[in-house]
Amino acid sequence: MTVTTEARGATLTTELSPELSRGIDQVESLLAGRTFAVLTGAGVSTDSGIPDYRGEGAPKRTPMTFQQFLADDRYRKRYWAGSHLGYRRFAAAHPNAGHRALAALEAAGAANGVITQNVDGLHKQAGSRRVVDLHGSMDRVVCLVCGQIFAREAITARIDSANPWLDAEGAVEIAPDGDAIVTDVDAFVVPDCTVCGGHLKPDVVFFGEFIPAEKYREASALVRGADALVIAGSSLVVNSGIRLLEEARRKRLPIVIVNRGETKGDSRATVKLDGGTTETLVELAHRLA
């Protein structure tokens, strides 16, 4: 079976393996007539040019923790310098055919919404209407003291103005959270809150930080209101994904996992498809939407 998709602006024709084709047949039979919730991870955005955390070839990273960010001014300089450089390329990414397939499934009433572990905002750009950004979104910045929210572009302009020496156009390796590696950060001027002078941070969940309770409740409500759960592009290493999978399992919902390689939830899946999310989601949307 061949599937034609778009990835990174190019039209691609993918030959699905017989095993994956049979798996998609199973999923079609399983989901037909059911409304399902969707949980997505970094693997859904790789065809938009955003690398994932744990896929083949992904660099080993030691992400900054929330505790480090709070405790040390140099950590904040390092984070903001890297985040500023990485965000330029990160923000230039566009939704791929997998994102658009999920929007089409929602528009057709097959999916009741998308819960995403990604912070890139691409599901909303693709047209998905009910999106739970479980880990936040990089296009917002929050003050940790007074709670004021700022548009990321406004903070980007302030960083450019205060740090004219920073080569924002240089070649930068980015990560799924829009970060980049910067070593010389001593001269970097970190923006502060224009309301109270407090520390600013992108409105995303750091390692060592809890997901806001209201966000998890929104995600849980989507799972509880569904007849099945589809997990796409997540290795389910992060605890939030496993918790939602367990909610679905306790409710005895069919669980479909689409991912290249193993995940921590494979043994609990009704069907596991080992394949790319873009071509698989496009084919499922073709059949179900």
Protein backbone atom coordinates (compact mmCIF):
# COMPACT_ATOMS: atom_id res chain seq x y z
CA MET A 1 0.00 0.00 0.00
CA THR A 2 1.29 3.50 -0.85
CA VAL A 3 0.37 6.68 1.00
CA THR A 4 1.06 10.19 -0.33
CA THR A 5 1.81 12.78 2.35
CA GLU A 6 3.50 16.13 2.72
CA ALA A 7 6.50 16.59 5.02
CA ARG A 8 8.72 19.67 5.34
CA GLY A 9 7.07 21.20 2.29
CA ALA A 10 7.70 18.20 0.02
CA THR A 11 5.21 15.66 -1.30
CA LEU A 12 6.27 12.14 -0.36
CA THR A 13 4.95 8.78 -1.46
CA THR A 14 5.45 6.15 1.23
CA GLU A 15 5.17 2.42 0.70
CA LEU A 16 3.55 0.94 3.80
CA SER A 17 4.86 -2.46 4.80
CA PRO A 18 2.39 -5.36 4.64
CA GLU A 19 2.59 -5.62 8.43
CA LEU A 20 1.72 -1.93 8.91
CA SER A 21 -1.08 -2.16 6.34
CA ARG A 22 -2.61 -5.09 8.22
CA GLY A 23 -2.26 -3.15 11.46
CA ILE A 24 -4.09 -0.17 9.97
CA ASP A 25 -6.86 -2.53 8.87
CA GLN A 26 -7.16 -3.66 12.49
CA VAL A 27 -7.25 -0.08 13.76
CA GLU A 28 -9.89 0.87 11.21
CA SER A 29 -12.13 -1.98 12.40
CA LEU A 30 -11.44 -1.10 16.03
CA LEU A 31 -12.18 2.64 15.73
CA ALA A 32 -15.02 2.64 13.19
CA GLY A 33 -18.11 4.11 14.85
CA ARG A 34 -16.17 5.10 17.97
CA THR A 35 -15.15 8.56 19.13
CA PHE A 36 -11.54 8.54 20.27
CA ALA A 37 -9.21 10.85 22.16
CA VAL A 38 -5.71 11.40 20.79
CA LEU A 39 -2.48 11.81 22.77
CA THR A 40 0.53 13.03 20.77
CA GLY A 41 4.25 13.27 21.47
CA ALA A 42 7.34 14.62 19.75
CA GLY A 43 7.22 11.99 16.99
CA VAL A 44 4.22 13.75 15.42
CA SER A 45 6.31 16.88 14.78
CA THR A 46 9.50 15.34 13.38
CA ASP A 47 8.20 15.72 9.81
CA SER A 48 7.86 19.43 10.53
CA GLY A 49 11.59 19.63 11.18
CA ILE A 50 11.45 19.52 14.98
CA PRO A 51 13.62 16.68 16.35
CA ASP A 52 12.30 14.32 18.97
CA TYR A 53 13.90 13.51 22.31
CA ARG A 54 14.54 9.80 22.01
CA GLY A 55 14.31 8.83 18.37
CA GLU A 56 17.13 7.34 16.36
CA GLY A 57 19.99 9.84 16.15
CA ALA A 58 18.60 12.15 18.81
CA PRO A 59 21.43 13.70 20.87
CA LYS A 60 21.71 12.80 24.53
CA ARG A 61 20.50 15.75 26.58
CA THR A 62 20.41 16.74 30.22
CA PRO A 63 17.52 19.21 30.36
CA MET A 64 17.62 22.01 32.87
CA THR A 65 15.35 21.42 35.84
CA PHE A 66 12.90 23.92 37.22
CA GLN A 67 14.85 23.96 40.49
CA GLN A 68 18.07 24.94 38.66
CA PHE A 69 16.26 27.67 36.73
CA LEU A 70 14.90 29.17 39.96
CA ALA A 71 18.09 28.91 41.98
CA ASP A 72 20.83 30.35 39.80
CA ASP A 73 21.10 33.47 37.64
CA ARG A 74 23.64 31.79 35.36
CA TYR A 75 21.24 28.91 34.70
CA ARG A 76 18.59 31.46 33.72
CA LYS A 77 21.06 33.17 31.37
CA ARG A 78 21.98 29.84 29.81
CA TYR A 79 18.35 28.84 29.41
CA TRP A 80 17.15 32.13 27.91
CA ALA A 81 20.13 32.43 25.52
CA GLY A 82 19.57 28.90 24.22
CA SER A 83 15.81 29.22 24.14
CA HIS A 84 16.04 32.51 22.23
CA LEU A 85 18.31 31.07 19.56
CA GLY A 86 16.36 27.84 19.22
CA TYR A 87 12.96 29.54 19.13
CA ARG A 88 13.72 31.27 15.83
CA ARG A 89 13.82 27.95 13.97
CA PHE A 90 11.25 26.36 16.26
CA ALA A 91 8.69 29.09 15.52
CA ALA A 92 9.28 28.76 11.77
CA ALA A 93 8.02 25.15 11.72
CA HIS A 94 4.74 24.40 9.95
CA PRO A 95 2.15 21.67 10.55
CA ASN A 96 2.69 18.50 8.57
CA ALA A 97 0.16 16.15 7.03
CA GLY A 98 -0.14 14.18 10.30
CA HIS A 99 -1.25 17.30 12.18
CA ARG A 100 -3.77 18.07 9.44
CA ALA A 101 -5.05 14.48 9.48
CA LEU A 102 -5.85 14.80 13.19
CA ALA A 103 -7.67 18.10 12.55
CA ALA A 104 -9.71 16.35 9.82
CA LEU A 105 -10.58 13.49 12.19
CA GLU A 106 -11.82 15.98 14.77
CA ALA A 107 -13.82 17.94 12.18
CA ALA A 108 -15.47 14.67 11.09
CA GLY A 109 -16.43 13.85 14.68
CA ALA A 110 -14.17 10.79 14.86
CA ALA A 111 -11.77 12.40 17.37
CA ASN A 112 -13.02 14.42 20.34
CA GLY A 113 -9.78 16.41 20.60
CA VAL A 114 -6.01 16.23 20.96
CA ILE A 115 -3.94 16.04 24.13
CA THR A 116 -0.36 16.91 23.27
CA GLN A 117 2.93 16.65 25.13
CA ASN A 118 4.43 18.98 22.51
CA VAL A 119 4.93 22.71 23.09
CA ASP A 120 5.12 23.74 19.42
CA GLY A 121 1.50 24.83 18.86
CA LEU A 122 1.32 22.97 15.53
CA HIS A 123 -1.96 21.19 16.25
CA LYS A 124 -3.78 24.50 16.60
CA GLN A 125 -2.08 25.85 13.48
CA ALA A 126 -3.28 22.75 11.61
CA GLY A 127 -6.89 23.45 12.56
CA SER A 128 -7.50 21.23 15.60
CA ARG A 129 -10.03 23.06 17.74
CA ARG A 130 -9.94 21.21 21.06
CA VAL A 131 -6.28 20.97 22.05
CA VAL A 132 -4.95 20.39 25.56
CA ASP A 133 -1.33 21.61 25.72
CA LEU A 134 -0.38 19.30 28.55
CA HIS A 135 3.14 20.74 28.87
CA GLY A 136 2.32 24.32 27.90
CA SER A 137 3.25 26.32 24.82
CA MET A 138 6.45 28.08 23.78
CA ASP A 139 4.61 31.07 22.31
CA ARG A 140 3.69 32.36 25.79
CA VAL A 141 5.91 33.68 28.60
CA VAL A 142 4.81 33.89 32.23
CA CYS A 143 6.10 35.85 35.22
CA LEU A 144 6.81 33.49 38.11
CA VAL A 145 6.03 36.23 40.66
CA CYS A 146 2.87 38.05 39.54
CA GLY A 147 1.57 35.62 36.88
CA GLN A 148 1.50 38.17 34.05
CA ILE A 149 1.43 36.52 30.60
CA PHE A 150 3.43 37.94 27.69
CA ALA A 151 3.48 37.04 24.00
CA ARG A 152 6.76 35.32 23.16
CA GLU A 153 7.38 37.68 20.24
CA ALA A 154 7.37 40.67 22.60
CA ILE A 155 10.01 39.02 24.80
CA THR A 156 12.01 38.05 21.71
CA ALA A 157 12.12 41.71 20.64
CA ARG A 158 13.37 42.74 24.09
CA ILE A 159 16.11 40.09 24.02
CA ASP A 160 17.24 41.24 20.56
CA SER A 161 17.39 44.84 21.78
CA ALA A 162 19.31 44.02 24.99
CA ASN A 163 21.69 41.53 23.34
CA PRO A 164 22.66 42.92 19.92
CA TRP A 165 25.83 40.79 19.96
CA LEU A 166 23.86 37.56 19.95
CA ASP A 167 23.92 35.90 16.54
CA ALA A 168 20.27 34.89 16.25
CA GLU A 169 20.79 34.00 12.59
CA GLY A 170 23.65 31.55 13.16
CA ALA A 171 23.34 27.81 12.62
CA VAL A 172 21.70 26.36 15.72
CA GLU A 173 20.77 22.82 16.70
CA ILE A 174 17.34 22.84 18.27
CA ALA A 175 15.54 20.45 20.56
CA PRO A 176 11.82 19.56 20.82
CA ASP A 177 11.37 22.29 23.45
CA GLY A 178 12.87 25.02 21.27
CA ASP A 179 16.19 25.09 23.16
CA ALA A 180 19.72 25.34 21.72
CA ILE A 181 23.20 24.80 23.09
CA VAL A 182 24.98 28.04 24.11
CA THR A 183 28.20 28.04 26.11
CA ASP A 184 29.21 31.72 26.53
CA VAL A 185 26.30 33.22 28.43
CA ASP A 186 27.91 35.59 30.95
CA ALA A 187 27.16 38.71 28.87
CA PHE A 188 23.55 37.73 28.20
CA VAL A 189 20.90 40.08 29.59
CA VAL A 190 17.87 38.17 30.83
CA PRO A 191 14.53 39.96 30.44
CA ASP A 192 12.46 40.50 33.57
CA CYS A 193 8.78 41.19 34.13
CA THR A 194 7.84 44.75 33.16
CA VAL A 195 5.00 44.63 35.72
CA CYS A 196 6.80 43.52 38.88
CA GLY A 197 10.44 42.81 37.94
CA GLY A 198 10.05 39.08 38.59
CA HIS A 199 11.68 36.17 36.76
CA LEU A 200 10.18 35.24 33.39
CA LYS A 201 9.96 31.75 31.94
CA PRO A 202 8.32 30.30 28.82
CA ASP A 203 4.90 28.93 29.74
CA VAL A 204 6.05 25.32 29.52
CA VAL A 205 6.50 22.57 32.10
CA PHE A 206 10.17 22.10 32.98
CA PHE A 207 11.67 18.83 34.18
CA GLY A 208 11.03 18.71 37.92
CA GLU A 209 7.88 20.82 37.59
CA PHE A 210 4.32 19.55 37.96
CA ILE A 211 1.73 19.75 35.19
CA PRO A 212 -0.94 22.26 36.25
CA ALA A 213 -3.85 20.39 37.81
CA GLU A 214 -6.43 22.06 35.58
CA LYS A 215 -4.51 20.98 32.45
CA TYR A 216 -4.47 17.37 33.58
CA ARG A 217 -8.19 17.55 34.37
CA GLU A 218 -8.88 18.77 30.82
CA ALA A 219 -6.83 15.90 29.38
CA SER A 220 -8.49 13.36 31.65
CA ALA A 221 -11.93 14.65 30.64
CA LEU A 222 -11.14 13.99 26.97
CA VAL A 223 -10.13 10.41 27.75
CA ARG A 224 -13.18 9.83 29.95
CA GLY A 225 -15.46 11.21 27.22
CA ALA A 226 -14.04 8.93 24.52
CA ASP A 227 -14.71 5.37 23.38
CA ALA A 228 -11.01 4.72 22.60
CA LEU A 229 -7.56 6.26 22.95
CA VAL A 230 -5.02 6.75 20.15
CA ILE A 231 -1.43 7.54 21.16
CA ALA A 232 0.81 8.84 18.36
CA GLY A 233 4.51 9.63 18.38
CA SER A 234 5.13 9.24 22.11
CA SER A 235 7.51 6.81 23.79
CA LEU A 236 5.40 7.27 26.94
CA VAL A 237 8.49 7.80 29.07
CA VAL A 238 6.95 10.92 30.60
CA ASN A 239 4.62 10.09 33.47
CA SER A 240 1.70 12.19 32.22
CA GLY A 241 1.25 9.96 29.16
CA ILE A 242 1.30 6.75 31.18
CA ARG A 243 -1.29 8.17 33.61
CA LEU A 244 -3.69 8.90 30.73
CA LEU A 245 -3.07 5.46 29.22
CA GLU A 246 -3.88 3.92 32.60
CA GLU A 247 -7.13 5.92 32.79
CA ALA A 248 -8.12 4.47 29.42
CA ARG A 249 -7.10 0.96 30.46
CA ARG A 250 -9.10 1.13 33.70
CA LYS A 251 -12.11 2.24 31.68
CA ARG A 252 -11.49 -0.77 29.38
CA LEU A 253 -11.13 1.45 26.32
CA PRO A 254 -9.39 0.13 23.20
CA ILE A 255 -5.88 1.64 23.07
CA VAL A 256 -3.97 2.18 19.81
CA ILE A 257 -0.29 3.17 19.85
CA VAL A 258 1.46 4.47 16.71
CA ASN A 259 5.20 4.96 17.13
CA ARG A 260 8.52 4.02 15.59
CA GLY A 261 10.12 1.65 18.08
CA GLU A 262 9.05 0.47 21.49
CA THR A 263 7.08 2.47 24.04
CA LYS A 264 6.45 1.93 27.74
CA GLY A 265 2.80 1.24 26.96
CA ASP A 266 3.14 -1.45 24.29
CA SER A 267 2.10 -4.30 26.58
CA ARG A 268 -1.12 -2.45 27.41
CA ALA A 269 -2.07 -1.55 23.84
CA THR A 270 -4.92 -3.25 22.01
CA VAL A 271 -3.04 -2.59 18.76
CA LYS A 272 0.54 -1.31 18.40
CA LEU A 273 1.58 0.04 14.99
CA ASP A 274 5.34 0.32 14.49
CA GLY A 275 5.57 3.03 11.86
CA GLY A 276 5.74 6.72 11.07
CA THR A 277 2.94 8.84 12.48
CA THR A 278 2.48 11.05 9.41
CA GLU A 279 1.67 8.35 6.88
CA THR A 280 -0.28 6.29 9.41
CA LEU A 281 -2.47 9.19 10.55
CA VAL A 282 -3.07 10.29 6.95
CA GLU A 283 -4.27 6.78 6.03
CA LEU A 284 -6.48 6.57 9.13
CA ALA A 285 -8.02 9.95 8.35
CA HIS A 286 -8.66 8.81 4.78
CA ARG A 287 -10.54 5.77 6.07
CA LEU A 288 -12.31 7.20 9.12
CA ALA A 289 -12.98 10.83 8.22
